[in-house]
Amino acid sequence: MNKVVTISLNGNPYQLEEAAYDAVRAYLDSARARLAEDPGQYEILADLEQSIAYKLTRIIGAHRSVASAEDMRKALEE
C-alpha cells in the first residue's frame, strides 16, 4: 500500500504516490533555487508547473486517478 498525496499543479488537483510527490517537489525546489535571482522566477515556475501538469495528465490519462513515481519520472524527463 502506497501513501497518496494530493497537490495542486497549475491550479489543478493531482493525486500522487508519495515517491512521485517527492520527485516533483525536489524538481521544483531545485528550479526555485536556481532561479532565485531571476526577476521572472514566479512566471518561469508557473510555466514549469503548467508543463508538468500537462505532461502528467497525458501520461496517466483519464483511466487512472493516482500518478506513480514512474509516471512522474516520465513527465519530468520530458
N, C-alpha and C. Protein backbone atom coordinates (compact mmCIF):
# COMPACT_ATOMS: atom_id res chain seq x y z
N MET A 1 0.85 -1.18 0.00
CA MET A 1 0.00 0.00 0.00
C MET A 1 0.89 1.24 0.00
N ASN A 2 0.60 2.18 -0.89
CA ASN A 2 1.38 3.41 -1.00
C ASN A 2 0.61 4.59 -0.44
N LYS A 3 1.33 5.50 0.18
CA LYS A 3 0.74 6.73 0.67
C LYS A 3 0.48 7.64 -0.53
N VAL A 4 -0.68 8.30 -0.56
CA VAL A 4 -1.06 9.19 -1.65
C VAL A 4 -1.15 10.62 -1.12
N VAL A 5 -0.58 11.54 -1.89
CA VAL A 5 -0.56 12.95 -1.52
C VAL A 5 -1.32 13.72 -2.60
N THR A 6 -2.19 14.63 -2.20
CA THR A 6 -2.90 15.48 -3.16
C THR A 6 -2.19 16.83 -3.22
N ILE A 7 -1.86 17.26 -4.44
CA ILE A 7 -1.19 18.54 -4.64
C ILE A 7 -1.94 19.33 -5.70
N SER A 8 -1.54 20.58 -5.83
CA SER A 8 -2.08 21.44 -6.88
C SER A 8 -0.94 21.82 -7.81
N LEU A 9 -1.11 21.50 -9.08
CA LEU A 9 -0.16 21.92 -10.12
C LEU A 9 -0.92 22.78 -11.10
N ASN A 10 -0.46 23.99 -11.26
CA ASN A 10 -1.11 24.91 -12.19
C ASN A 10 -2.59 25.10 -11.86
N GLY A 11 -2.90 25.05 -10.56
CA GLY A 11 -4.26 25.27 -10.10
C GLY A 11 -5.18 24.07 -10.20
N ASN A 12 -4.64 22.91 -10.60
CA ASN A 12 -5.45 21.69 -10.72
C ASN A 12 -4.97 20.64 -9.74
N PRO A 13 -5.91 19.91 -9.12
CA PRO A 13 -5.50 18.90 -8.14
C PRO A 13 -4.99 17.62 -8.82
N TYR A 14 -3.95 17.05 -8.22
CA TYR A 14 -3.38 15.78 -8.68
C TYR A 14 -3.12 14.92 -7.46
N GLN A 15 -3.39 13.63 -7.62
CA GLN A 15 -3.07 12.68 -6.57
C GLN A 15 -1.82 11.93 -7.00
N LEU A 16 -0.82 11.95 -6.12
CA LEU A 16 0.46 11.35 -6.42
C LEU A 16 0.85 10.35 -5.34
N GLU A 17 1.50 9.26 -5.75
CA GLU A 17 2.13 8.42 -4.76
C GLU A 17 3.21 9.27 -4.09
N GLU A 18 3.53 8.94 -2.86
CA GLU A 18 4.47 9.76 -2.10
C GLU A 18 5.81 9.94 -2.83
N ALA A 19 6.31 8.89 -3.47
CA ALA A 19 7.58 8.99 -4.20
C ALA A 19 7.46 9.96 -5.38
N ALA A 20 6.31 10.00 -6.03
CA ALA A 20 6.09 10.94 -7.14
C ALA A 20 6.07 12.37 -6.61
N TYR A 21 5.43 12.56 -5.46
CA TYR A 21 5.40 13.87 -4.82
C TYR A 21 6.81 14.32 -4.47
N ASP A 22 7.60 13.42 -3.89
CA ASP A 22 8.97 13.77 -3.52
C ASP A 22 9.77 14.19 -4.75
N ALA A 23 9.56 13.50 -5.87
CA ALA A 23 10.29 13.81 -7.10
C ALA A 23 9.92 15.19 -7.64
N VAL A 24 8.64 15.50 -7.71
CA VAL A 24 8.24 16.79 -8.27
C VAL A 24 8.61 17.92 -7.31
N ARG A 25 8.53 17.67 -6.04
CA ARG A 25 8.92 18.70 -5.07
C ARG A 25 10.41 19.01 -5.19
N ALA A 26 11.24 17.96 -5.29
CA ALA A 26 12.69 18.16 -5.44
C ALA A 26 12.99 18.92 -6.73
N TYR A 27 12.30 18.57 -7.80
CA TYR A 27 12.50 19.24 -9.09
C TYR A 27 12.15 20.72 -8.99
N LEU A 28 11.00 21.03 -8.43
CA LEU A 28 10.58 22.43 -8.34
C LEU A 28 11.42 23.21 -7.33
N ASP A 29 11.83 22.58 -6.23
CA ASP A 29 12.70 23.25 -5.26
C ASP A 29 14.05 23.59 -5.89
N SER A 30 14.57 22.66 -6.69
CA SER A 30 15.84 22.89 -7.38
C SER A 30 15.70 24.04 -8.37
N ALA A 31 14.62 24.04 -9.13
CA ALA A 31 14.37 25.12 -10.09
C ALA A 31 14.23 26.45 -9.36
N ARG A 32 13.52 26.45 -8.23
CA ARG A 32 13.32 27.68 -7.46
C ARG A 32 14.67 28.22 -6.97
N ALA A 33 15.55 27.34 -6.52
CA ALA A 33 16.87 27.75 -6.03
C ALA A 33 17.72 28.33 -7.17
N ARG A 34 17.68 27.68 -8.34
CA ARG A 34 18.46 28.17 -9.48
C ARG A 34 17.94 29.50 -10.00
N LEU A 35 16.67 29.76 -9.81
CA LEU A 35 16.06 30.98 -10.32
C LEU A 35 15.94 32.08 -9.27
N ALA A 36 16.57 31.89 -8.13
CA ALA A 36 16.41 32.81 -7.00
C ALA A 36 16.68 34.26 -7.36
N GLU A 37 17.63 34.51 -8.22
CA GLU A 37 17.99 35.89 -8.59
C GLU A 37 17.30 36.37 -9.87
N ASP A 38 16.53 35.52 -10.49
CA ASP A 38 15.88 35.86 -11.76
C ASP A 38 14.60 36.65 -11.48
N PRO A 39 14.45 37.83 -12.08
CA PRO A 39 13.24 38.61 -11.84
C PRO A 39 11.97 37.94 -12.37
N GLY A 40 12.09 37.02 -13.29
CA GLY A 40 10.94 36.31 -13.83
C GLY A 40 10.71 34.96 -13.16
N GLN A 41 11.26 34.77 -11.97
CA GLN A 41 11.20 33.50 -11.26
C GLN A 41 9.79 32.95 -11.16
N TYR A 42 8.84 33.73 -10.73
CA TYR A 42 7.49 33.23 -10.50
C TYR A 42 6.79 32.82 -11.79
N GLU A 43 7.03 33.56 -12.84
CA GLU A 43 6.44 33.22 -14.13
C GLU A 43 7.05 31.93 -14.68
N ILE A 44 8.35 31.78 -14.54
CA ILE A 44 9.02 30.57 -15.03
C ILE A 44 8.56 29.35 -14.23
N LEU A 45 8.46 29.49 -12.92
CA LEU A 45 7.98 28.37 -12.09
C LEU A 45 6.54 28.01 -12.43
N ALA A 46 5.72 29.00 -12.70
CA ALA A 46 4.33 28.74 -13.11
C ALA A 46 4.31 27.99 -14.44
N ASP A 47 5.18 28.38 -15.36
CA ASP A 47 5.28 27.68 -16.64
C ASP A 47 5.73 26.24 -16.46
N LEU A 48 6.69 26.02 -15.57
CA LEU A 48 7.15 24.66 -15.27
C LEU A 48 6.00 23.81 -14.72
N GLU A 49 5.26 24.37 -13.76
CA GLU A 49 4.11 23.66 -13.20
C GLU A 49 3.10 23.31 -14.28
N GLN A 50 2.82 24.27 -15.15
CA GLN A 50 1.86 24.04 -16.22
C GLN A 50 2.34 22.92 -17.14
N SER A 51 3.60 22.92 -17.47
CA SER A 51 4.16 21.90 -18.34
C SER A 51 4.11 20.52 -17.68
N ILE A 52 4.48 20.44 -16.42
CA ILE A 52 4.43 19.17 -15.69
C ILE A 52 3.00 18.66 -15.62
N ALA A 53 2.06 19.55 -15.31
CA ALA A 53 0.66 19.17 -15.21
C ALA A 53 0.15 18.62 -16.54
N TYR A 54 0.47 19.29 -17.63
CA TYR A 54 0.04 18.85 -18.96
C TYR A 54 0.60 17.47 -19.28
N LYS A 55 1.90 17.29 -19.06
CA LYS A 55 2.55 16.01 -19.37
C LYS A 55 2.02 14.89 -18.47
N LEU A 56 1.83 15.19 -17.20
CA LEU A 56 1.33 14.17 -16.28
C LEU A 56 -0.09 13.74 -16.65
N THR A 57 -0.92 14.70 -17.01
CA THR A 57 -2.29 14.38 -17.45
C THR A 57 -2.27 13.48 -18.67
N ARG A 58 -1.39 13.79 -19.61
CA ARG A 58 -1.27 12.99 -20.82
C ARG A 58 -0.78 11.57 -20.49
N ILE A 59 0.14 11.46 -19.54
CA ILE A 59 0.70 10.15 -19.19
C ILE A 59 -0.31 9.28 -18.46
N ILE A 60 -1.01 9.84 -17.47
CA ILE A 60 -1.93 8.99 -16.69
C ILE A 60 -3.29 8.85 -17.36
N GLY A 61 -3.63 9.79 -18.24
CA GLY A 61 -4.90 9.69 -18.95
C GLY A 61 -6.10 9.77 -18.03
N ALA A 62 -7.24 9.43 -18.57
CA ALA A 62 -8.50 9.52 -17.82
C ALA A 62 -8.80 8.24 -17.05
N HIS A 63 -8.04 7.20 -17.30
CA HIS A 63 -8.35 5.90 -16.71
C HIS A 63 -7.73 5.68 -15.33
N ARG A 64 -6.83 6.58 -14.90
CA ARG A 64 -6.21 6.44 -13.58
C ARG A 64 -6.33 7.73 -12.82
N SER A 65 -6.41 7.63 -11.50
CA SER A 65 -6.55 8.85 -10.70
C SER A 65 -5.30 9.16 -9.88
N VAL A 66 -4.37 8.22 -9.77
CA VAL A 66 -3.16 8.42 -8.97
C VAL A 66 -1.93 8.23 -9.85
N ALA A 67 -1.04 9.20 -9.82
CA ALA A 67 0.20 9.13 -10.59
C ALA A 67 1.27 8.43 -9.77
N SER A 68 1.98 7.53 -10.41
CA SER A 68 3.05 6.80 -9.75
C SER A 68 4.38 7.56 -9.89
N ALA A 69 5.39 7.06 -9.19
CA ALA A 69 6.72 7.64 -9.30
C ALA A 69 7.23 7.51 -10.74
N GLU A 70 6.93 6.41 -11.40
CA GLU A 70 7.35 6.19 -12.78
C GLU A 70 6.66 7.20 -13.71
N ASP A 71 5.38 7.46 -13.47
CA ASP A 71 4.66 8.47 -14.26
C ASP A 71 5.34 9.83 -14.12
N MET A 72 5.67 10.18 -12.89
CA MET A 72 6.29 11.49 -12.64
C MET A 72 7.68 11.54 -13.26
N ARG A 73 8.41 10.44 -13.19
CA ARG A 73 9.75 10.40 -13.79
C ARG A 73 9.64 10.70 -15.29
N LYS A 74 8.68 10.09 -15.94
CA LYS A 74 8.48 10.33 -17.38
C LYS A 74 8.13 11.79 -17.65
N ALA A 75 7.25 12.35 -16.84
CA ALA A 75 6.84 13.75 -17.05
C ALA A 75 8.01 14.70 -16.85
N LEU A 76 8.84 14.45 -15.84
CA LEU A 76 9.96 15.33 -15.56
C LEU A 76 11.08 15.17 -16.59
N GLU A 77 11.23 13.99 -17.14
CA GLU A 77 12.26 13.77 -18.16
C GLU A 77 11.94 14.52 -19.45
N GLU A 78 10.65 14.63 -19.75
CA GLU A 78 10.26 15.36 -20.97
C GLU A 78 10.59 16.83 -20.80
